[in-house]
């Protein structure tokens, strides 16, 4: 059974940092074959792409570029999201996604990030 389990969320003050982790398990092939991404969804808003790691190229949403860094450790089946200089508007549930086109994507259950003073 494929699972993506996120962790590392929490409450942080503006300007602070958090590091999210997403551990993948149950895959029959290496996650190196997958595009690993982080999405987020704030209350009342649609889910949006934060960052995607294609195993080489990396993309970021304009709103997080320069503050967030996505990385992956394929040997540990883990993808990370280092979030620095956090802002109020970064408050959301953060989801990990794994996809190997044309297969259907897998999603984690999400981890809450709250930026508040």
N, C-alpha and C. Protein backbone atom coordinates (compact mmCIF):
# COMPACT_ATOMS: atom_id res chain seq x y z
N UNK A 1 0.85 -1.19 0.00
CA UNK A 1 0.00 0.00 0.00
C UNK A 1 0.89 1.24 0.00
N UNK A 2 0.67 2.07 -1.01
CA UNK A 2 1.46 3.29 -1.13
C UNK A 2 1.02 4.31 -0.10
N UNK A 3 1.98 4.91 0.56
CA UNK A 3 1.69 5.96 1.53
C UNK A 3 2.69 7.09 1.40
N UNK A 4 2.18 8.30 1.58
CA UNK A 4 3.02 9.48 1.74
C UNK A 4 2.65 10.09 3.08
N UNK A 5 3.62 10.23 3.95
CA UNK A 5 3.36 10.74 5.29
C UNK A 5 4.17 12.01 5.51
N UNK A 6 3.44 13.11 5.68
CA UNK A 6 4.10 14.40 5.93
C UNK A 6 4.28 14.63 7.42
N UNK A 7 5.29 15.38 7.75
CA UNK A 7 5.52 15.79 9.13
C UNK A 7 6.31 17.09 9.14
N UNK A 8 6.39 17.70 10.33
CA UNK A 8 7.18 18.91 10.47
C UNK A 8 6.40 20.20 10.54
N UNK A 9 5.10 20.12 10.36
CA UNK A 9 4.29 21.32 10.45
C UNK A 9 4.17 21.78 11.89
N UNK A 10 3.59 22.96 12.06
CA UNK A 10 3.40 23.49 13.39
C UNK A 10 3.12 24.97 13.38
N UNK A 11 3.25 25.57 14.55
CA UNK A 11 3.01 27.00 14.73
C UNK A 11 4.36 27.71 14.78
N UNK A 12 4.49 28.76 14.00
CA UNK A 12 5.74 29.50 13.93
C UNK A 12 5.44 30.99 13.79
N UNK A 13 6.31 31.81 14.30
CA UNK A 13 6.14 33.26 14.19
C UNK A 13 6.59 33.74 12.81
N UNK A 14 6.07 34.87 12.38
CA UNK A 14 6.55 35.43 11.11
C UNK A 14 8.06 35.62 11.13
N UNK A 15 8.66 35.27 10.01
CA UNK A 15 10.11 35.32 9.91
C UNK A 15 10.80 34.04 10.32
N UNK A 16 10.06 33.13 10.90
CA UNK A 16 10.63 31.87 11.35
C UNK A 16 10.78 30.85 10.24
N UNK A 17 11.23 29.66 10.63
CA UNK A 17 11.49 28.59 9.67
C UNK A 17 10.87 27.28 10.12
N UNK A 18 10.54 26.46 9.16
CA UNK A 18 10.10 25.10 9.40
C UNK A 18 10.66 24.22 8.29
N UNK A 19 10.83 22.96 8.61
CA UNK A 19 11.25 21.99 7.60
C UNK A 19 10.23 20.86 7.57
N UNK A 20 9.57 20.72 6.45
CA UNK A 20 8.61 19.65 6.27
C UNK A 20 9.31 18.44 5.65
N UNK A 21 8.83 17.27 6.03
CA UNK A 21 9.32 16.03 5.46
C UNK A 21 8.15 15.22 4.93
N UNK A 22 8.42 14.46 3.90
CA UNK A 22 7.41 13.56 3.34
C UNK A 22 8.11 12.24 3.07
N UNK A 23 7.70 11.21 3.78
CA UNK A 23 8.29 9.89 3.62
C UNK A 23 7.36 9.02 2.80
N UNK A 24 7.90 8.45 1.74
CA UNK A 24 7.13 7.59 0.85
C UNK A 24 7.40 6.12 1.18
N UNK A 25 6.35 5.33 1.15
CA UNK A 25 6.50 3.90 1.40
C UNK A 25 5.52 3.13 0.52
N UNK A 26 5.84 1.86 0.29
CA UNK A 26 4.95 1.01 -0.46
C UNK A 26 5.10 1.11 -1.96
N UNK A 27 6.04 1.92 -2.43
CA UNK A 27 6.24 2.03 -3.87
C UNK A 27 6.98 0.79 -4.37
N UNK A 28 6.57 0.29 -5.53
CA UNK A 28 7.25 -0.87 -6.10
C UNK A 28 8.47 -0.45 -6.91
N UNK A 29 8.55 0.82 -7.24
CA UNK A 29 9.72 1.34 -7.92
C UNK A 29 10.29 2.51 -7.12
N UNK A 30 11.48 2.90 -7.47
CA UNK A 30 12.14 3.97 -6.72
C UNK A 30 11.43 5.30 -6.92
N UNK A 31 11.39 6.09 -5.87
CA UNK A 31 10.77 7.42 -6.00
C UNK A 31 11.59 8.33 -6.90
N UNK A 32 12.79 7.88 -7.26
CA UNK A 32 13.58 8.67 -8.19
C UNK A 32 12.90 8.79 -9.54
N UNK A 33 11.96 7.89 -9.79
CA UNK A 33 11.20 7.92 -11.04
C UNK A 33 10.00 8.86 -10.98
N UNK A 34 9.76 9.42 -9.80
CA UNK A 34 8.57 10.23 -9.57
C UNK A 34 8.90 11.72 -9.48
N UNK A 35 7.96 12.50 -9.94
CA UNK A 35 7.99 13.93 -9.68
C UNK A 35 7.42 14.11 -8.27
N UNK A 36 8.21 14.72 -7.40
CA UNK A 36 7.78 14.92 -6.02
C UNK A 36 7.49 16.41 -5.83
N UNK A 37 6.33 16.69 -5.28
CA UNK A 37 5.91 18.08 -5.17
C UNK A 37 5.32 18.35 -3.81
N UNK A 38 5.29 19.62 -3.48
CA UNK A 38 4.56 20.12 -2.32
C UNK A 38 3.48 21.08 -2.81
N UNK A 39 2.29 20.90 -2.27
CA UNK A 39 1.18 21.78 -2.51
C UNK A 39 0.70 22.32 -1.16
N UNK A 40 -0.11 23.34 -1.23
CA UNK A 40 -0.72 23.84 0.00
C UNK A 40 -2.13 24.33 -0.29
N UNK A 41 -2.94 24.31 0.76
CA UNK A 41 -4.30 24.78 0.65
C UNK A 41 -4.66 25.57 1.89
N UNK A 42 -4.94 26.84 1.68
CA UNK A 42 -5.36 27.72 2.76
C UNK A 42 -6.88 27.68 2.87
N UNK A 43 -7.43 28.03 4.01
CA UNK A 43 -8.89 28.02 4.18
C UNK A 43 -9.58 28.88 3.12
N UNK A 44 -10.56 28.29 2.47
CA UNK A 44 -11.33 29.02 1.47
C UNK A 44 -10.64 29.20 0.13
N UNK A 45 -9.48 28.60 -0.01
CA UNK A 45 -8.74 28.74 -1.27
C UNK A 45 -8.50 27.38 -1.91
N UNK A 46 -8.16 27.41 -3.19
CA UNK A 46 -7.85 26.18 -3.89
C UNK A 46 -6.44 25.71 -3.55
N UNK A 47 -6.24 24.41 -3.72
CA UNK A 47 -4.91 23.87 -3.52
C UNK A 47 -3.98 24.41 -4.61
N UNK A 48 -2.77 24.80 -4.20
CA UNK A 48 -1.84 25.38 -5.15
C UNK A 48 -0.48 24.72 -5.04
N UNK A 49 0.22 24.70 -6.16
CA UNK A 49 1.57 24.15 -6.20
C UNK A 49 2.53 25.11 -5.50
N UNK A 50 3.35 24.55 -4.62
CA UNK A 50 4.38 25.33 -3.94
C UNK A 50 5.73 25.11 -4.60
N UNK A 51 6.08 23.84 -4.77
CA UNK A 51 7.37 23.50 -5.36
C UNK A 51 7.32 22.09 -5.92
N UNK A 52 8.07 21.86 -6.98
CA UNK A 52 8.12 20.55 -7.60
C UNK A 52 9.56 20.20 -7.94
N UNK A 53 9.91 18.96 -7.63
CA UNK A 53 11.26 18.47 -7.91
C UNK A 53 11.14 17.33 -8.92
N UNK A 54 11.67 17.57 -10.13
CA UNK A 54 11.55 16.61 -11.21
C UNK A 54 12.75 15.66 -11.27
N UNK A 55 13.57 15.71 -10.24
CA UNK A 55 14.76 14.88 -10.23
C UNK A 55 15.94 15.60 -10.82
N UNK A 56 15.68 16.74 -11.38
CA UNK A 56 16.72 17.60 -11.93
C UNK A 56 16.21 19.01 -11.85
N UNK A 57 15.34 19.38 -12.82
CA UNK A 57 14.72 20.71 -12.74
C UNK A 57 13.83 20.84 -11.51
N UNK A 58 13.76 22.06 -11.01
CA UNK A 58 12.92 22.38 -9.86
C UNK A 58 12.13 23.64 -10.19
N UNK A 59 10.87 23.65 -9.80
CA UNK A 59 10.06 24.84 -9.99
C UNK A 59 9.48 25.28 -8.66
N UNK A 60 9.26 26.57 -8.54
CA UNK A 60 8.67 27.16 -7.35
C UNK A 60 7.56 28.13 -7.73
N UNK A 61 6.58 28.22 -6.83
CA UNK A 61 5.59 29.27 -6.99
C UNK A 61 6.29 30.61 -6.77
N UNK A 62 5.83 31.63 -7.47
CA UNK A 62 6.44 32.95 -7.33
C UNK A 62 6.40 33.43 -5.88
N UNK A 63 5.36 33.06 -5.17
CA UNK A 63 5.16 33.55 -3.81
C UNK A 63 6.18 32.98 -2.81
N UNK A 64 6.85 31.89 -3.18
CA UNK A 64 7.78 31.27 -2.23
C UNK A 64 9.22 31.24 -2.74
N UNK A 65 9.41 31.60 -4.00
CA UNK A 65 10.76 31.53 -4.57
C UNK A 65 11.71 32.41 -3.78
N UNK A 66 12.86 31.85 -3.44
CA UNK A 66 13.85 32.56 -2.65
C UNK A 66 13.71 32.33 -1.15
N UNK A 67 12.57 31.80 -0.74
CA UNK A 67 12.34 31.53 0.69
C UNK A 67 12.23 30.04 0.99
N UNK A 68 11.68 29.28 0.04
CA UNK A 68 11.48 27.85 0.24
C UNK A 68 12.46 27.07 -0.64
N UNK A 69 12.85 25.90 -0.15
CA UNK A 69 13.72 25.02 -0.92
C UNK A 69 13.19 23.60 -0.84
N UNK A 70 12.97 22.99 -2.00
CA UNK A 70 12.56 21.60 -2.05
C UNK A 70 13.79 20.75 -2.35
N UNK A 71 13.87 19.62 -1.67
CA UNK A 71 14.97 18.71 -1.92
C UNK A 71 14.46 17.29 -1.72
N UNK A 72 15.24 16.34 -2.18
CA UNK A 72 14.83 14.95 -2.05
C UNK A 72 16.03 14.08 -1.75
N UNK A 73 15.77 13.01 -1.01
CA UNK A 73 16.77 11.99 -0.74
C UNK A 73 16.14 10.68 -1.18
N UNK A 74 16.45 10.28 -2.39
CA UNK A 74 15.81 9.08 -2.95
C UNK A 74 16.17 7.83 -2.16
N UNK A 75 17.35 7.78 -1.60
CA UNK A 75 17.76 6.61 -0.81
C UNK A 75 16.90 6.46 0.44
N UNK A 76 16.40 7.59 0.94
CA UNK A 76 15.54 7.56 2.13
C UNK A 76 14.07 7.68 1.78
N UNK A 77 13.78 7.69 0.47
CA UNK A 77 12.39 7.84 0.03
C UNK A 77 11.72 9.06 0.66
N UNK A 78 12.44 10.13 0.72
CA UNK A 78 11.98 11.32 1.44
C UNK A 78 12.17 12.58 0.61
N UNK A 79 11.18 13.44 0.68
CA UNK A 79 11.29 14.76 0.07
C UNK A 79 11.08 15.79 1.17
N UNK A 80 11.79 16.89 1.06
CA UNK A 80 11.77 17.91 2.11
C UNK A 80 11.31 19.25 1.53
N UNK A 81 10.81 20.08 2.41
CA UNK A 81 10.53 21.47 2.05
C UNK A 81 11.05 22.34 3.19
N UNK A 82 12.14 23.02 2.93
CA UNK A 82 12.68 23.96 3.90
C UNK A 82 12.03 25.31 3.66
N UNK A 83 11.39 25.82 4.69
CA UNK A 83 10.63 27.07 4.58
C UNK A 83 11.26 28.11 5.50
N UNK A 84 11.76 29.15 4.93
CA UNK A 84 12.38 30.24 5.68
C UNK A 84 11.59 31.53 5.48
N UNK A 85 11.84 32.48 6.35
CA UNK A 85 11.19 33.80 6.27
C UNK A 85 9.69 33.66 6.09
N UNK A 86 9.10 32.84 6.93
CA UNK A 86 7.67 32.55 6.79
C UNK A 86 6.82 33.79 7.02
N UNK A 87 5.72 33.84 6.28
CA UNK A 87 4.79 34.96 6.34
C UNK A 87 3.42 34.47 6.76
N UNK A 88 2.58 35.40 7.19
CA UNK A 88 1.21 35.04 7.58
C UNK A 88 0.54 34.27 6.44
N UNK A 89 0.75 34.72 5.22
CA UNK A 89 0.05 34.12 4.09
C UNK A 89 0.56 32.74 3.72
N UNK A 90 1.58 32.25 4.40
CA UNK A 90 2.04 30.88 4.18
C UNK A 90 1.22 29.88 5.00
N UNK A 91 0.35 30.38 5.84
CA UNK A 91 -0.50 29.50 6.65
C UNK A 91 -1.39 28.66 5.74
N UNK A 92 -1.31 27.35 5.91
CA UNK A 92 -2.06 26.43 5.06
C UNK A 92 -1.79 25.00 5.52
N UNK A 93 -2.56 24.09 4.95
CA UNK A 93 -2.22 22.68 5.06
C UNK A 93 -1.31 22.34 3.88
N UNK A 94 -0.19 21.74 4.16
CA UNK A 94 0.80 21.41 3.13
C UNK A 94 0.72 19.92 2.82
N UNK A 95 0.64 19.63 1.53
CA UNK A 95 0.48 18.25 1.06
C UNK A 95 1.66 17.85 0.18
N UNK A 96 2.05 16.62 0.31
CA UNK A 96 3.06 16.02 -0.53
C UNK A 96 2.37 15.23 -1.65
N UNK A 97 2.94 15.29 -2.83
CA UNK A 97 2.39 14.59 -3.98
C UNK A 97 3.50 13.87 -4.72
N UNK A 98 3.20 12.65 -5.15
CA UNK A 98 4.13 11.87 -5.97
C UNK A 98 3.41 11.43 -7.22
N UNK A 99 4.01 11.66 -8.35
CA UNK A 99 3.38 11.27 -9.60
C UNK A 99 4.43 10.80 -10.60
N UNK A 100 4.07 9.75 -11.30
CA UNK A 100 4.90 9.24 -12.39
C UNK A 100 3.99 9.13 -13.61
N UNK A 101 3.93 10.20 -14.40
CA UNK A 101 3.02 10.17 -15.54
C UNK A 101 3.25 8.96 -16.43
N UNK A 102 2.20 8.34 -16.98
CA UNK A 102 0.80 8.81 -16.92
C UNK A 102 -0.01 8.24 -15.77
N UNK A 103 0.65 7.72 -14.74
CA UNK A 103 -0.09 7.11 -13.63
C UNK A 103 -0.81 8.17 -12.81
N UNK A 104 -1.77 7.72 -12.02
CA UNK A 104 -2.47 8.64 -11.14
C UNK A 104 -1.53 9.07 -10.02
N UNK A 105 -1.68 10.28 -9.51
CA UNK A 105 -0.80 10.75 -8.45
C UNK A 105 -1.20 10.20 -7.09
N UNK A 106 -0.24 10.20 -6.19
CA UNK A 106 -0.48 9.85 -4.80
C UNK A 106 -0.34 11.12 -3.96
N UNK A 107 -1.18 11.21 -2.92
CA UNK A 107 -1.17 12.37 -2.03
C UNK A 107 -1.01 11.92 -0.59
N UNK A 108 -0.34 12.77 0.18
CA UNK A 108 -0.29 12.55 1.61
C UNK A 108 -1.52 13.15 2.28
N UNK A 109 -1.57 13.01 3.60
CA UNK A 109 -2.75 13.47 4.34
C UNK A 109 -2.65 14.94 4.72
N UNK A 110 -1.46 15.52 4.59
CA UNK A 110 -1.27 16.93 4.87
C UNK A 110 -0.74 17.20 6.27
N UNK A 111 -0.06 18.33 6.38
CA UNK A 111 0.43 18.79 7.68
C UNK A 111 0.16 20.29 7.78
N UNK A 112 -0.33 20.71 8.94
CA UNK A 112 -0.74 22.10 9.11
C UNK A 112 0.46 22.98 9.43
N UNK A 113 0.55 24.08 8.73
CA UNK A 113 1.53 25.12 9.02
C UNK A 113 0.77 26.40 9.36
N UNK A 114 1.02 26.93 10.52
CA UNK A 114 0.37 28.16 10.95
C UNK A 114 1.42 29.19 11.30
N UNK A 115 1.35 30.32 10.63
CA UNK A 115 2.27 31.43 10.89
C UNK A 115 1.48 32.51 11.63
N UNK A 116 1.86 32.72 12.87
CA UNK A 116 1.10 33.65 13.70
C UNK A 116 2.01 34.26 14.77
N UNK A 117 1.71 35.49 15.13
CA UNK A 117 2.47 36.13 16.20
C UNK A 117 1.72 36.02 17.52
